[in-house]
């Protein structure tokens, strides 16, 4: 899951959930960080700076049967 959050307001947008699964924590973290960069680069610089936007992500392990 990945959310864009404002350090000014303390609010986060609804999280984006990945449709894919990852074999390792490292793979998940790298994809989340790469996606974070793409989101921030696509956003208006003034908005990012004024609202102090950043991303928040989490990776969870899943048990397989």
N, C-alpha and C. Protein backbone atom coordinates (compact mmCIF):
# COMPACT_ATOMS: atom_id res chain seq x y z
N UNK A 1 0.84 -1.17 0.00
CA UNK A 1 0.00 0.00 0.00
C UNK A 1 0.88 1.23 0.00
N UNK A 2 0.43 2.27 -0.70
CA UNK A 2 1.17 3.50 -0.78
C UNK A 2 0.19 4.66 -0.74
N UNK A 3 0.47 5.65 0.09
CA UNK A 3 -0.38 6.83 0.20
C UNK A 3 0.47 8.08 0.06
N UNK A 4 -0.13 9.13 -0.51
CA UNK A 4 0.50 10.45 -0.53
C UNK A 4 -0.04 11.21 0.66
N UNK A 5 0.88 11.76 1.46
CA UNK A 5 0.49 12.43 2.71
C UNK A 5 1.07 13.84 2.77
N UNK A 6 0.38 14.70 3.51
CA UNK A 6 0.82 16.07 3.74
C UNK A 6 1.35 16.20 5.16
N UNK A 7 2.57 16.70 5.27
CA UNK A 7 3.13 16.96 6.60
C UNK A 7 2.56 18.24 7.19
N UNK A 8 1.88 19.07 6.39
CA UNK A 8 1.25 20.29 6.88
C UNK A 8 -0.09 19.97 7.53
N UNK A 9 -0.92 19.19 6.83
CA UNK A 9 -2.27 18.90 7.34
C UNK A 9 -2.33 17.61 8.14
N UNK A 10 -1.37 16.73 7.93
CA UNK A 10 -1.38 15.43 8.60
C UNK A 10 -2.32 14.43 7.94
N UNK A 11 -2.88 14.80 6.79
CA UNK A 11 -3.83 13.92 6.10
C UNK A 11 -3.14 13.15 4.99
N UNK A 12 -3.68 11.96 4.70
CA UNK A 12 -3.18 11.12 3.62
C UNK A 12 -4.32 10.80 2.67
N UNK A 13 -4.00 10.69 1.39
CA UNK A 13 -5.00 10.25 0.41
C UNK A 13 -5.24 8.75 0.60
N UNK A 14 -6.32 8.25 0.03
CA UNK A 14 -6.60 6.82 0.11
C UNK A 14 -5.42 6.04 -0.48
N UNK A 15 -5.04 4.95 0.16
CA UNK A 15 -3.88 4.20 -0.31
C UNK A 15 -4.13 3.47 -1.62
N UNK A 16 -3.05 3.32 -2.37
CA UNK A 16 -3.05 2.53 -3.59
C UNK A 16 -2.52 1.16 -3.22
N UNK A 17 -3.22 0.13 -3.60
CA UNK A 17 -2.79 -1.24 -3.32
C UNK A 17 -2.27 -1.86 -4.60
N UNK A 18 -1.14 -2.51 -4.51
CA UNK A 18 -0.53 -3.16 -5.67
C UNK A 18 -1.26 -4.45 -6.00
N UNK A 19 -1.41 -4.70 -7.29
CA UNK A 19 -2.05 -5.92 -7.74
C UNK A 19 -1.09 -7.10 -7.76
N UNK A 20 0.19 -6.80 -7.63
CA UNK A 20 1.19 -7.85 -7.68
C UNK A 20 1.68 -8.18 -6.27
N UNK A 21 2.29 -9.33 -6.13
CA UNK A 21 2.91 -9.71 -4.86
C UNK A 21 4.42 -9.74 -5.08
N UNK A 22 5.14 -9.68 -4.00
CA UNK A 22 6.59 -9.64 -4.05
C UNK A 22 7.15 -10.82 -3.26
N UNK A 23 8.26 -11.32 -3.73
CA UNK A 23 8.90 -12.46 -3.06
C UNK A 23 9.64 -12.05 -1.80
N UNK A 24 10.09 -10.78 -1.77
CA UNK A 24 10.88 -10.33 -0.61
C UNK A 24 10.44 -8.94 -0.18
N UNK A 25 10.77 -8.62 1.06
CA UNK A 25 10.53 -7.27 1.58
C UNK A 25 11.27 -6.25 0.74
N UNK A 26 12.51 -6.58 0.37
CA UNK A 26 13.34 -5.65 -0.41
C UNK A 26 12.67 -5.29 -1.73
N UNK A 27 12.12 -6.27 -2.44
CA UNK A 27 11.44 -6.01 -3.71
C UNK A 27 10.26 -5.06 -3.51
N UNK A 28 9.49 -5.30 -2.48
CA UNK A 28 8.34 -4.45 -2.17
C UNK A 28 8.79 -3.02 -1.88
N UNK A 29 9.81 -2.87 -1.04
CA UNK A 29 10.29 -1.54 -0.66
C UNK A 29 10.84 -0.79 -1.86
N UNK A 30 11.58 -1.47 -2.73
CA UNK A 30 12.14 -0.81 -3.92
C UNK A 30 11.03 -0.33 -4.85
N UNK A 31 10.02 -1.15 -5.07
CA UNK A 31 8.90 -0.74 -5.93
C UNK A 31 8.15 0.43 -5.29
N UNK A 32 7.94 0.40 -3.99
CA UNK A 32 7.24 1.49 -3.30
C UNK A 32 8.04 2.78 -3.40
N UNK A 33 9.34 2.71 -3.22
CA UNK A 33 10.17 3.91 -3.31
C UNK A 33 10.21 4.45 -4.74
N UNK A 34 10.32 3.56 -5.71
CA UNK A 34 10.32 3.97 -7.11
C UNK A 34 8.99 4.62 -7.48
N UNK A 35 7.89 4.03 -7.04
CA UNK A 35 6.57 4.59 -7.31
C UNK A 35 6.42 5.95 -6.63
N UNK A 36 6.96 6.07 -5.43
CA UNK A 36 6.91 7.35 -4.70
C UNK A 36 7.59 8.45 -5.50
N UNK A 37 8.74 8.15 -6.05
CA UNK A 37 9.47 9.14 -6.85
C UNK A 37 8.63 9.55 -8.05
N UNK A 38 8.04 8.59 -8.73
CA UNK A 38 7.23 8.90 -9.91
C UNK A 38 6.02 9.76 -9.55
N UNK A 39 5.35 9.46 -8.44
CA UNK A 39 4.21 10.26 -8.00
C UNK A 39 4.64 11.70 -7.73
N UNK A 40 5.71 11.87 -6.96
CA UNK A 40 6.15 13.21 -6.59
C UNK A 40 6.65 14.00 -7.79
N UNK A 41 7.33 13.35 -8.72
CA UNK A 41 7.81 14.03 -9.91
C UNK A 41 6.66 14.48 -10.81
N UNK A 42 5.56 13.74 -10.81
CA UNK A 42 4.41 14.07 -11.65
C UNK A 42 3.57 15.20 -11.06
N UNK A 43 3.72 15.46 -9.77
CA UNK A 43 2.91 16.48 -9.11
C UNK A 43 3.51 17.86 -9.32
N UNK A 44 2.65 18.87 -9.20
CA UNK A 44 3.08 20.26 -9.28
C UNK A 44 4.02 20.59 -8.13
N UNK A 45 5.18 21.17 -8.45
CA UNK A 45 6.20 21.47 -7.43
C UNK A 45 5.68 22.39 -6.34
N UNK A 46 4.89 23.40 -6.71
CA UNK A 46 4.35 24.32 -5.71
C UNK A 46 3.46 23.60 -4.71
N UNK A 47 2.63 22.69 -5.21
CA UNK A 47 1.74 21.92 -4.34
C UNK A 47 2.54 21.04 -3.40
N UNK A 48 3.53 20.34 -3.94
CA UNK A 48 4.37 19.46 -3.12
C UNK A 48 5.05 20.26 -2.02
N UNK A 49 5.60 21.42 -2.38
CA UNK A 49 6.32 22.24 -1.40
C UNK A 49 5.39 22.90 -0.40
N UNK A 50 4.26 23.43 -0.86
CA UNK A 50 3.34 24.12 0.05
C UNK A 50 2.72 23.16 1.06
N UNK A 51 2.33 21.97 0.60
CA UNK A 51 1.68 21.00 1.49
C UNK A 51 2.68 20.02 2.10
N UNK A 52 3.96 20.17 1.72
CA UNK A 52 5.02 19.27 2.20
C UNK A 52 4.58 17.82 2.02
N UNK A 53 4.33 17.47 0.75
CA UNK A 53 3.84 16.14 0.43
C UNK A 53 4.98 15.12 0.41
N UNK A 54 4.66 13.95 0.84
CA UNK A 54 5.57 12.82 0.79
C UNK A 54 4.71 11.56 0.68
N UNK A 55 5.35 10.42 0.65
CA UNK A 55 4.59 9.18 0.58
C UNK A 55 4.82 8.34 1.82
N UNK A 56 3.89 7.47 2.03
CA UNK A 56 3.96 6.51 3.13
C UNK A 56 3.61 5.16 2.53
N UNK A 57 4.38 4.14 2.85
CA UNK A 57 4.07 2.82 2.29
C UNK A 57 4.22 1.75 3.35
N UNK A 58 3.62 0.61 3.06
CA UNK A 58 3.79 -0.54 3.94
C UNK A 58 3.84 -1.80 3.08
N UNK A 59 4.63 -2.74 3.53
CA UNK A 59 4.74 -4.05 2.88
C UNK A 59 4.31 -5.08 3.91
N UNK A 60 3.48 -6.01 3.50
CA UNK A 60 3.00 -7.04 4.41
C UNK A 60 3.32 -8.41 3.84
N UNK A 61 3.65 -9.32 4.71
CA UNK A 61 3.88 -10.70 4.27
C UNK A 61 2.56 -11.43 4.22
N UNK A 62 2.45 -12.34 3.27
CA UNK A 62 1.25 -13.15 3.15
C UNK A 62 1.62 -14.61 3.30
N UNK A 63 0.80 -15.31 4.03
CA UNK A 63 0.99 -16.76 4.14
C UNK A 63 0.43 -17.40 2.88
N UNK A 64 1.15 -18.36 2.35
CA UNK A 64 0.66 -19.07 1.17
C UNK A 64 0.27 -20.48 1.55
N UNK A 65 -0.70 -20.99 0.86
CA UNK A 65 -1.19 -22.34 1.14
C UNK A 65 -0.76 -23.25 0.02
